[in-house]
Amino acid sequence: MRHRRSHWSRRSVLVAAAGYLFLPPYAAKAAEAGTEEQFKFLSANGNSNCSAKFKDSIASMPETARIRGSCCGPMNLHRYKEQVDALREYAKYPEVPPDPYDIGAGFAARMLKEYKGEPGPEHLATYNAAMEMSAEGGPCCCQCWRWEVLGGMGKVLIRERQADSKTVAKIWDLTNGCGGDSHV
């Protein structure tokens, strides 16, 4: 009898951390961001959700783990491609992830810490204006881990990169990983 190889390749092996599934670093990428192949991979291998428990688990994830997929609704291929294409304009900022549906856990943990810090008075007006300008009235559709991660990213962009409120709001709109089919 011929031995059947498991349908799980090394890339798709899932491991548990803090009660949630994430893909190990050797499975960091299925394809280029913005491609149909990567969309299919991320859609099928999502591991995030909007719960407080998930947000709290980020600090205990290995730095190289990946947080993948949408957390509120199904991903939409057209929107995904629009987001990734438009994010290329902001590649000059190392704080801006190139794929809103494939976030490094180490990055997320750092940005969660940044979110907890209060912006200085010289940055607060810019941050608040970005909140008002963004499509969701903030970094994403609900106050979950993405809200805090992207909020922390916004604070860093304002403080360290002197990004204005319009730029931060646009980046938030593009890095929104809630899913859905709205257009950029």
N, C-alpha and C. Protein backbone atom coordinates (compact mmCIF):
# COMPACT_ATOMS: atom_id res chain seq x y z
N MET A 1 0.83 -1.17 0.00
CA MET A 1 0.00 0.00 0.00
C MET A 1 0.89 1.24 0.00
N ARG A 2 0.57 2.13 -0.85
CA ARG A 2 1.33 3.36 -0.96
C ARG A 2 0.96 4.32 0.17
N HIS A 3 1.96 4.90 0.79
CA HIS A 3 1.72 5.84 1.88
C HIS A 3 1.22 7.16 1.30
N ARG A 4 0.08 7.60 1.77
CA ARG A 4 -0.46 8.88 1.31
C ARG A 4 0.15 10.00 2.12
N ARG A 5 0.65 10.95 1.42
CA ARG A 5 1.21 12.12 2.08
C ARG A 5 0.07 13.00 2.58
N SER A 6 0.23 13.53 3.76
CA SER A 6 -0.78 14.40 4.33
C SER A 6 -0.99 15.63 3.46
N HIS A 7 -2.20 16.14 3.45
CA HIS A 7 -2.48 17.35 2.69
C HIS A 7 -1.88 18.58 3.35
N TRP A 8 -1.38 18.44 4.57
CA TRP A 8 -0.75 19.57 5.25
C TRP A 8 0.72 19.65 4.86
N SER A 9 1.08 20.69 4.21
CA SER A 9 2.50 20.90 3.89
C SER A 9 3.15 21.59 5.08
N ARG A 10 4.44 21.70 5.02
CA ARG A 10 5.15 22.40 6.09
C ARG A 10 4.62 23.82 6.23
N ARG A 11 4.27 24.44 5.12
CA ARG A 11 3.77 25.82 5.14
C ARG A 11 2.44 25.95 5.87
N SER A 12 1.62 24.95 5.83
CA SER A 12 0.29 25.11 6.38
C SER A 12 0.12 24.49 7.76
N VAL A 13 1.20 24.06 8.36
CA VAL A 13 1.11 23.51 9.70
C VAL A 13 0.72 24.64 10.66
N LEU A 14 -0.30 24.40 11.43
CA LEU A 14 -0.75 25.41 12.39
C LEU A 14 -0.27 25.03 13.78
N VAL A 15 0.15 26.03 14.51
CA VAL A 15 0.55 25.81 15.88
C VAL A 15 -0.26 26.73 16.78
N ALA A 16 -0.40 26.35 18.02
CA ALA A 16 -1.22 27.13 18.94
C ALA A 16 -0.34 27.97 19.86
N ALA A 17 -0.79 29.17 20.11
CA ALA A 17 -0.12 30.05 21.07
C ALA A 17 -1.21 30.82 21.77
N ALA A 18 -1.19 30.77 23.05
CA ALA A 18 -2.16 31.49 23.87
C ALA A 18 -3.59 31.18 23.45
N GLY A 19 -3.83 29.96 23.02
CA GLY A 19 -5.18 29.56 22.68
C GLY A 19 -5.63 29.94 21.29
N TYR A 20 -4.78 30.55 20.50
CA TYR A 20 -5.14 30.95 19.14
C TYR A 20 -4.16 30.35 18.16
N LEU A 21 -4.62 30.17 16.96
CA LEU A 21 -3.77 29.60 15.93
C LEU A 21 -3.03 30.69 15.19
N PHE A 22 -1.79 30.45 14.88
CA PHE A 22 -1.03 31.34 14.03
C PHE A 22 -0.10 30.49 13.20
N LEU A 23 0.37 31.04 12.13
CA LEU A 23 1.28 30.31 11.27
C LEU A 23 2.71 30.63 11.68
N PRO A 24 3.55 29.62 11.76
CA PRO A 24 4.93 29.86 12.16
C PRO A 24 5.70 30.63 11.10
N PRO A 25 6.89 31.13 11.46
CA PRO A 25 7.62 31.99 10.54
C PRO A 25 7.96 31.34 9.21
N TYR A 26 8.16 30.03 9.17
CA TYR A 26 8.49 29.41 7.90
C TYR A 26 7.31 29.41 6.94
N ALA A 27 6.15 29.81 7.42
CA ALA A 27 4.97 29.92 6.57
C ALA A 27 4.61 31.40 6.40
N ALA A 28 5.62 32.24 6.43
CA ALA A 28 5.38 33.68 6.48
C ALA A 28 4.64 34.22 5.27
N LYS A 29 4.72 33.57 4.14
CA LYS A 29 4.12 34.15 2.96
C LYS A 29 3.79 33.06 1.97
N ALA A 30 2.60 33.09 1.44
CA ALA A 30 2.23 32.12 0.41
C ALA A 30 2.57 32.68 -0.96
N ALA A 31 2.41 33.96 -1.14
CA ALA A 31 2.63 34.61 -2.43
C ALA A 31 2.84 36.10 -2.18
N GLU A 32 3.02 36.85 -3.24
CA GLU A 32 3.19 38.30 -3.12
C GLU A 32 1.91 38.95 -2.63
N ALA A 33 2.06 39.96 -1.79
CA ALA A 33 0.91 40.71 -1.32
C ALA A 33 0.15 41.28 -2.52
N GLY A 34 -1.16 41.23 -2.44
CA GLY A 34 -2.00 41.80 -3.49
C GLY A 34 -2.35 40.87 -4.62
N THR A 35 -1.76 39.68 -4.63
CA THR A 35 -2.06 38.73 -5.71
C THR A 35 -3.27 37.88 -5.34
N GLU A 36 -3.87 37.30 -6.36
CA GLU A 36 -5.01 36.41 -6.12
C GLU A 36 -4.58 35.20 -5.29
N GLU A 37 -3.37 34.72 -5.53
CA GLU A 37 -2.86 33.58 -4.77
C GLU A 37 -2.76 33.92 -3.28
N GLN A 38 -2.22 35.10 -2.96
CA GLN A 38 -2.10 35.51 -1.56
C GLN A 38 -3.49 35.75 -0.96
N PHE A 39 -4.40 36.33 -1.73
CA PHE A 39 -5.77 36.52 -1.26
C PHE A 39 -6.40 35.18 -0.86
N LYS A 40 -6.25 34.19 -1.71
CA LYS A 40 -6.82 32.87 -1.41
C LYS A 40 -6.19 32.28 -0.16
N PHE A 41 -4.87 32.43 -0.04
CA PHE A 41 -4.17 31.92 1.14
C PHE A 41 -4.66 32.61 2.41
N LEU A 42 -4.72 33.94 2.39
CA LEU A 42 -5.13 34.67 3.59
C LEU A 42 -6.60 34.42 3.93
N SER A 43 -7.43 34.32 2.91
CA SER A 43 -8.86 34.05 3.14
C SER A 43 -9.07 32.69 3.79
N ALA A 44 -8.25 31.73 3.42
CA ALA A 44 -8.40 30.37 3.93
C ALA A 44 -7.64 30.13 5.23
N ASN A 45 -6.72 31.01 5.58
CA ASN A 45 -5.86 30.80 6.75
C ASN A 45 -5.96 31.92 7.77
N GLY A 46 -7.10 32.59 7.82
CA GLY A 46 -7.28 33.66 8.80
C GLY A 46 -7.24 33.12 10.21
N ASN A 47 -6.69 33.90 11.11
CA ASN A 47 -6.56 33.46 12.49
C ASN A 47 -6.85 34.56 13.50
N SER A 48 -7.43 35.66 13.07
CA SER A 48 -7.68 36.76 14.00
C SER A 48 -9.17 36.92 14.25
N ASN A 49 -9.47 37.59 15.35
CA ASN A 49 -10.86 37.97 15.63
C ASN A 49 -10.84 39.22 16.49
N CYS A 50 -12.00 39.75 16.75
CA CYS A 50 -12.11 41.04 17.45
C CYS A 50 -12.23 40.93 18.96
N SER A 51 -12.03 39.76 19.52
CA SER A 51 -12.22 39.60 20.96
C SER A 51 -11.07 40.21 21.76
N ALA A 52 -11.39 40.58 22.99
CA ALA A 52 -10.37 41.09 23.91
C ALA A 52 -9.35 40.00 24.21
N LYS A 53 -9.80 38.76 24.27
CA LYS A 53 -8.88 37.65 24.53
C LYS A 53 -7.83 37.55 23.43
N PHE A 54 -8.26 37.71 22.17
CA PHE A 54 -7.29 37.67 21.08
C PHE A 54 -6.29 38.80 21.21
N LYS A 55 -6.77 40.02 21.47
CA LYS A 55 -5.87 41.17 21.62
C LYS A 55 -4.86 40.90 22.72
N ASP A 56 -5.32 40.36 23.86
CA ASP A 56 -4.42 40.08 24.97
C ASP A 56 -3.40 38.99 24.62
N SER A 57 -3.74 38.10 23.71
CA SER A 57 -2.83 37.01 23.34
C SER A 57 -1.66 37.48 22.48
N ILE A 58 -1.77 38.63 21.87
CA ILE A 58 -0.73 39.11 20.95
C ILE A 58 0.61 39.25 21.66
N ALA A 59 0.60 39.73 22.88
CA ALA A 59 1.85 39.93 23.63
C ALA A 59 2.61 38.63 23.85
N SER A 60 1.91 37.50 23.86
CA SER A 60 2.58 36.21 24.11
C SER A 60 2.91 35.45 22.83
N MET A 61 2.55 36.00 21.69
CA MET A 61 2.89 35.34 20.42
C MET A 61 4.36 35.55 20.10
N PRO A 62 4.98 34.59 19.46
CA PRO A 62 6.36 34.80 19.02
C PRO A 62 6.43 36.00 18.08
N GLU A 63 7.50 36.74 18.16
CA GLU A 63 7.68 37.94 17.33
C GLU A 63 7.48 37.64 15.84
N THR A 64 7.86 36.46 15.41
CA THR A 64 7.79 36.11 13.98
C THR A 64 6.45 35.53 13.55
N ALA A 65 5.51 35.36 14.47
CA ALA A 65 4.19 34.83 14.11
C ALA A 65 3.46 35.84 13.22
N ARG A 66 2.49 35.37 12.48
CA ARG A 66 1.70 36.21 11.59
C ARG A 66 0.25 36.21 12.04
N ILE A 67 -0.37 37.37 12.01
CA ILE A 67 -1.81 37.51 12.26
C ILE A 67 -2.43 37.73 10.89
N ARG A 68 -3.31 36.81 10.52
CA ARG A 68 -3.77 36.78 9.13
C ARG A 68 -5.28 36.83 8.99
N GLY A 69 -5.70 37.29 7.83
CA GLY A 69 -7.10 37.30 7.45
C GLY A 69 -7.83 38.50 8.03
N SER A 70 -9.11 38.55 7.74
CA SER A 70 -9.96 39.64 8.26
C SER A 70 -10.55 39.21 9.59
N CYS A 71 -11.00 40.18 10.35
CA CYS A 71 -11.55 39.83 11.66
C CYS A 71 -13.05 40.08 11.76
N CYS A 72 -13.64 40.85 10.88
CA CYS A 72 -15.06 41.17 11.03
C CYS A 72 -15.94 40.61 9.91
N GLY A 73 -15.45 40.60 8.71
CA GLY A 73 -16.23 40.12 7.58
C GLY A 73 -15.32 39.42 6.59
N PRO A 74 -15.89 38.78 5.59
CA PRO A 74 -15.06 38.09 4.60
C PRO A 74 -14.23 39.07 3.78
N MET A 75 -13.04 38.63 3.41
CA MET A 75 -12.19 39.43 2.54
C MET A 75 -12.82 39.50 1.15
N ASN A 76 -12.53 40.59 0.45
CA ASN A 76 -13.01 40.80 -0.90
C ASN A 76 -11.79 41.01 -1.79
N LEU A 77 -11.66 40.23 -2.85
CA LEU A 77 -10.47 40.28 -3.70
C LEU A 77 -10.24 41.66 -4.29
N HIS A 78 -11.28 42.28 -4.83
CA HIS A 78 -11.11 43.60 -5.46
C HIS A 78 -10.60 44.62 -4.43
N ARG A 79 -11.22 44.65 -3.27
CA ARG A 79 -10.80 45.59 -2.22
C ARG A 79 -9.38 45.27 -1.77
N TYR A 80 -9.08 44.00 -1.59
CA TYR A 80 -7.74 43.60 -1.17
C TYR A 80 -6.68 44.13 -2.14
N LYS A 81 -6.90 43.92 -3.43
CA LYS A 81 -5.94 44.40 -4.42
C LYS A 81 -5.82 45.92 -4.39
N GLU A 82 -6.95 46.62 -4.25
CA GLU A 82 -6.91 48.08 -4.15
C GLU A 82 -6.08 48.54 -2.96
N GLN A 83 -6.31 47.91 -1.81
CA GLN A 83 -5.59 48.29 -0.61
C GLN A 83 -4.08 48.10 -0.76
N VAL A 84 -3.68 46.92 -1.20
CA VAL A 84 -2.25 46.63 -1.32
C VAL A 84 -1.60 47.55 -2.36
N ASP A 85 -2.27 47.76 -3.49
CA ASP A 85 -1.72 48.66 -4.51
C ASP A 85 -1.53 50.07 -3.95
N ALA A 86 -2.54 50.58 -3.26
CA ALA A 86 -2.47 51.94 -2.73
C ALA A 86 -1.45 52.06 -1.59
N LEU A 87 -1.25 50.98 -0.82
CA LEU A 87 -0.28 51.02 0.28
C LEU A 87 1.16 51.16 -0.20
N ARG A 88 1.41 50.81 -1.44
CA ARG A 88 2.78 50.94 -1.97
C ARG A 88 3.28 52.39 -1.89
N GLU A 89 2.35 53.33 -1.97
CA GLU A 89 2.72 54.75 -1.86
C GLU A 89 3.35 55.07 -0.50
N TYR A 90 3.01 54.27 0.51
CA TYR A 90 3.48 54.54 1.86
C TYR A 90 4.60 53.60 2.30
N ALA A 91 5.22 52.92 1.37
CA ALA A 91 6.31 51.99 1.68
C ALA A 91 7.50 52.70 2.33
N LYS A 92 7.58 54.01 2.17
CA LYS A 92 8.68 54.76 2.80
C LYS A 92 8.58 54.76 4.32
N TYR A 93 7.40 54.44 4.84
CA TYR A 93 7.20 54.37 6.29
C TYR A 93 7.33 52.92 6.74
N PRO A 94 8.38 52.57 7.47
CA PRO A 94 8.53 51.17 7.91
C PRO A 94 7.42 50.73 8.86
N GLU A 95 6.68 51.67 9.42
CA GLU A 95 5.59 51.32 10.34
C GLU A 95 4.31 50.89 9.61
N VAL A 96 4.25 51.07 8.31
CA VAL A 96 3.03 50.76 7.57
C VAL A 96 3.16 49.37 6.95
N PRO A 97 2.32 48.42 7.40
CA PRO A 97 2.41 47.07 6.82
C PRO A 97 1.96 47.08 5.36
N PRO A 98 2.67 46.38 4.50
CA PRO A 98 2.31 46.36 3.07
C PRO A 98 1.06 45.56 2.76
N ASP A 99 0.63 44.71 3.69
CA ASP A 99 -0.55 43.89 3.49
C ASP A 99 -1.41 43.96 4.76
N PRO A 100 -2.59 44.57 4.68
CA PRO A 100 -3.40 44.74 5.89
C PRO A 100 -3.98 43.45 6.46
N TYR A 101 -3.85 42.35 5.71
CA TYR A 101 -4.39 41.07 6.17
C TYR A 101 -3.29 40.08 6.52
N ASP A 102 -2.06 40.57 6.68
CA ASP A 102 -0.92 39.74 7.05
C ASP A 102 0.02 40.60 7.90
N ILE A 103 -0.24 40.60 9.19
CA ILE A 103 0.45 41.50 10.12
C ILE A 103 1.38 40.68 11.02
N GLY A 104 2.60 41.14 11.17
CA GLY A 104 3.54 40.48 12.07
C GLY A 104 3.11 40.67 13.52
N ALA A 105 3.18 39.60 14.31
CA ALA A 105 2.79 39.68 15.72
C ALA A 105 3.73 40.60 16.49
N GLY A 106 5.01 40.61 16.14
CA GLY A 106 5.95 41.51 16.81
C GLY A 106 5.60 42.97 16.56
N PHE A 107 5.26 43.28 15.32
CA PHE A 107 4.80 44.63 14.97
C PHE A 107 3.55 44.97 15.77
N ALA A 108 2.58 44.06 15.78
CA ALA A 108 1.32 44.30 16.49
C ALA A 108 1.57 44.56 17.98
N ALA A 109 2.44 43.77 18.60
CA ALA A 109 2.73 43.94 20.02
C ALA A 109 3.35 45.32 20.28
N ARG A 110 4.28 45.74 19.42
CA ARG A 110 4.91 47.06 19.59
C ARG A 110 3.88 48.19 19.43
N MET A 111 3.01 48.06 18.45
CA MET A 111 2.03 49.12 18.21
C MET A 111 0.96 49.15 19.31
N LEU A 112 0.65 47.99 19.90
CA LEU A 112 -0.27 47.99 21.05
C LEU A 112 0.31 48.82 22.20
N LYS A 113 1.60 48.69 22.43
CA LYS A 113 2.26 49.49 23.47
C LYS A 113 2.23 50.97 23.12
N GLU A 114 2.47 51.29 21.85
CA GLU A 114 2.42 52.69 21.40
C GLU A 114 1.04 53.28 21.59
N TYR A 115 0.01 52.49 21.37
CA TYR A 115 -1.36 52.97 21.49
C TYR A 115 -1.65 53.43 22.92
N LYS A 116 -1.09 52.73 23.89
CA LYS A 116 -1.36 53.05 25.29
C LYS A 116 -0.75 54.39 25.70
N GLY A 117 0.28 54.82 24.99
CA GLY A 117 0.92 56.10 25.31
C GLY A 117 0.09 57.27 24.79
N GLU A 118 0.03 58.31 25.57
CA GLU A 118 -0.71 59.50 25.15
C GLU A 118 0.16 60.33 24.21
N PRO A 119 -0.42 60.78 23.09
CA PRO A 119 0.36 61.67 22.23
C PRO A 119 0.60 63.00 22.95
N GLY A 120 1.74 63.58 22.69
CA GLY A 120 2.02 64.89 23.29
C GLY A 120 1.04 65.92 22.77
N PRO A 121 0.92 67.04 23.48
CA PRO A 121 -0.05 68.05 23.08
C PRO A 121 0.18 68.55 21.64
N GLU A 122 1.42 68.54 21.21
CA GLU A 122 1.73 68.99 19.84
C GLU A 122 1.27 67.99 18.79
N HIS A 123 0.97 66.73 19.20
CA HIS A 123 0.54 65.69 18.26
C HIS A 123 -0.94 65.33 18.41
N LEU A 124 -1.53 65.70 19.52
CA LEU A 124 -2.90 65.30 19.81
C LEU A 124 -3.90 65.83 18.78
N ALA A 125 -3.76 67.07 18.38
CA ALA A 125 -4.70 67.65 17.41
C ALA A 125 -4.61 66.91 16.07
N THR A 126 -3.41 66.54 15.66
CA THR A 126 -3.23 65.80 14.41
C THR A 126 -3.88 64.43 14.52
N TYR A 127 -3.68 63.75 15.64
CA TYR A 127 -4.27 62.43 15.85
C TYR A 127 -5.80 62.52 15.84
N ASN A 128 -6.34 63.47 16.58
CA ASN A 128 -7.80 63.62 16.64
C ASN A 128 -8.39 63.97 15.28
N ALA A 129 -7.70 64.81 14.52
CA ALA A 129 -8.18 65.15 13.17
C ALA A 129 -8.16 63.92 12.27
N ALA A 130 -7.15 63.09 12.39
CA ALA A 130 -7.09 61.85 11.60
C ALA A 130 -8.27 60.95 11.96
N MET A 131 -8.61 60.88 13.24
CA MET A 131 -9.77 60.09 13.67
C MET A 131 -11.03 60.57 12.97
N GLU A 132 -11.21 61.87 12.90
CA GLU A 132 -12.41 62.43 12.27
C GLU A 132 -12.41 62.22 10.76
N MET A 133 -11.26 62.25 10.13
CA MET A 133 -11.15 62.14 8.67
C MET A 133 -11.27 60.70 8.16
N SER A 134 -10.92 59.74 8.98
CA SER A 134 -10.90 58.36 8.49
C SER A 134 -12.32 57.87 8.20
N ALA A 135 -12.42 56.95 7.27
CA ALA A 135 -13.72 56.44 6.83
C ALA A 135 -14.50 55.79 7.96
N GLU A 136 -13.82 55.19 8.91
CA GLU A 136 -14.48 54.47 10.00
C GLU A 136 -14.61 55.31 11.27
N GLY A 137 -14.14 56.56 11.23
CA GLY A 137 -14.14 57.37 12.45
C GLY A 137 -13.07 56.93 13.43
N GLY A 138 -12.06 56.28 12.90
CA GLY A 138 -10.94 55.77 13.69
C GLY A 138 -10.16 54.81 12.85
N PRO A 139 -9.23 54.09 13.44
CA PRO A 139 -8.35 53.20 12.68
C PRO A 139 -9.04 52.02 11.99
N CYS A 140 -10.17 51.55 12.53
CA CYS A 140 -10.92 50.47 11.88
C CYS A 140 -12.36 50.51 12.36
N CYS A 141 -13.14 49.48 12.07
CA CYS A 141 -14.59 49.54 12.31
C CYS A 141 -15.01 49.33 13.75
N CYS A 142 -14.20 48.69 14.57
CA CYS A 142 -14.56 48.49 15.98
C CYS A 142 -13.31 48.60 16.83
N GLN A 143 -13.48 48.81 18.10
CA GLN A 143 -12.33 49.01 18.98
C GLN A 143 -11.77 47.67 19.45
N CYS A 144 -11.12 46.99 18.51
CA CYS A 144 -10.52 45.68 18.75
C CYS A 144 -9.00 45.81 18.68
N TRP A 145 -8.31 44.68 18.50
CA TRP A 145 -6.84 44.71 18.41
C TRP A 145 -6.39 45.56 17.25
N ARG A 146 -7.09 45.51 16.11
CA ARG A 146 -6.68 46.32 14.96
C ARG A 146 -6.79 47.81 15.28
N TRP A 147 -7.85 48.20 15.95
CA TRP A 147 -8.03 49.61 16.32
C TRP A 147 -6.81 50.08 17.09
N GLU A 148 -6.41 49.30 18.09
CA GLU A 148 -5.28 49.71 18.92
C GLU A 148 -3.95 49.60 18.19
N VAL A 149 -3.75 48.57 17.40
CA VAL A 149 -2.50 48.43 16.63
C VAL A 149 -2.38 49.57 15.63
N LEU A 150 -3.44 49.81 14.87
CA LEU A 150 -3.38 50.89 13.88
C LEU A 150 -3.37 52.26 14.53
N GLY A 151 -4.03 52.38 15.69
CA GLY A 151 -3.96 53.64 16.44
C GLY A 151 -2.54 53.91 16.92
N GLY A 152 -1.87 52.86 17.41
CA GLY A 152 -0.46 53.01 17.80
C GLY A 152 0.42 53.37 16.61
N MET A 153 0.14 52.74 15.47
CA MET A 153 0.88 53.07 14.25
C MET A 153 0.68 54.54 13.90
N GLY A 154 -0.55 55.03 14.01
CA GLY A 154 -0.83 56.43 13.73
C GLY A 154 -0.04 57.36 14.64
N LYS A 155 0.03 57.02 15.91
CA LYS A 155 0.79 57.84 16.86
C LYS A 155 2.27 57.88 16.49
N VAL A 156 2.82 56.74 16.08
CA VAL A 156 4.23 56.70 15.68
C VAL A 156 4.44 57.52 14.40
N LEU A 157 3.54 57.38 13.44
CA LEU A 157 3.68 58.14 12.19
C LEU A 157 3.65 59.64 12.45
N ILE A 158 2.80 60.07 13.35
CA ILE A 158 2.71 61.50 13.67
C ILE A 158 3.95 61.96 14.42
N ARG A 159 4.33 61.21 15.43
CA ARG A 159 5.45 61.61 16.30
C ARG A 159 6.80 61.49 15.61
N GLU A 160 7.06 60.36 14.92
CA GLU A 160 8.39 60.11 14.38
C GLU A 160 8.56 60.44 12.90
N ARG A 161 7.47 60.45 12.16
CA ARG A 161 7.56 60.71 10.71
C ARG A 161 6.90 62.03 10.32
N GLN A 162 6.38 62.76 11.30
CA GLN A 162 5.71 64.02 11.09
C GLN A 162 4.58 63.92 10.05
N ALA A 163 3.89 62.79 10.04
CA ALA A 163 2.77 62.59 9.13
C ALA A 163 1.62 63.50 9.55
N ASP A 164 0.93 64.08 8.58
CA ASP A 164 -0.22 64.92 8.90
C ASP A 164 -1.48 64.06 9.05
N SER A 165 -2.55 64.70 9.49
CA SER A 165 -3.78 63.96 9.78
C SER A 165 -4.37 63.32 8.52
N LYS A 166 -4.28 63.98 7.40
CA LYS A 166 -4.82 63.43 6.15
C LYS A 166 -4.08 62.15 5.77
N THR A 167 -2.77 62.16 5.91
CA THR A 167 -1.95 60.98 5.59
C THR A 167 -2.29 59.83 6.53
N VAL A 168 -2.37 60.11 7.82
CA VAL A 168 -2.67 59.05 8.79
C VAL A 168 -4.06 58.47 8.52
N ALA A 169 -5.04 59.32 8.26
CA ALA A 169 -6.40 58.83 7.97
C ALA A 169 -6.41 57.95 6.72
N LYS A 170 -5.68 58.35 5.70
CA LYS A 170 -5.62 57.57 4.46
C LYS A 170 -4.95 56.21 4.73
N ILE A 171 -3.87 56.20 5.48
CA ILE A 171 -3.19 54.95 5.81
C ILE A 171 -4.11 54.05 6.63
N TRP A 172 -4.84 54.63 7.59
CA TRP A 172 -5.79 53.82 8.36
C TRP A 172 -6.83 53.19 7.44
N ASP A 173 -7.35 53.98 6.51
CA ASP A 173 -8.36 53.44 5.58
C ASP A 173 -7.80 52.29 4.75
N LEU A 174 -6.53 52.40 4.40
CA LEU A 174 -5.90 51.37 3.56
C LEU A 174 -5.46 50.15 4.35
N THR A 175 -5.15 50.31 5.63
CA THR A 175 -4.70 49.18 6.44
C THR A 175 -5.84 48.53 7.21
N ASN A 176 -7.03 49.01 7.02
CA ASN A 176 -8.21 48.43 7.66
C ASN A 176 -8.36 47.00 7.19
N GLY A 177 -8.27 46.06 8.11
CA GLY A 177 -8.35 44.63 7.75
C GLY A 177 -9.64 43.98 8.23
N CYS A 178 -10.70 44.76 8.25
CA CYS A 178 -11.98 44.25 8.75
C CYS A 178 -12.70 43.37 7.73
N GLY A 179 -12.30 43.45 6.48
CA GLY A 179 -12.99 42.72 5.43
C GLY A 179 -14.05 43.59 4.80
N GLY A 180 -14.88 42.99 3.97
CA GLY A 180 -15.93 43.75 3.30
C GLY A 180 -15.52 44.18 1.91
N ASP A 181 -16.46 44.83 1.23
CA ASP A 181 -16.21 45.16 -0.18
C ASP A 181 -16.22 46.64 -0.49
N SER A 182 -16.11 47.50 0.52
CA SER A 182 -16.05 48.91 0.23
C SER A 182 -14.80 49.22 -0.58
N HIS A 183 -14.83 50.28 -1.33
CA HIS A 183 -13.69 50.62 -2.18
C HIS A 183 -12.82 51.69 -1.55
N VAL A 184 -11.56 51.68 -1.93
CA VAL A 184 -10.61 52.67 -1.44
C VAL A 184 -10.95 53.99 -2.08
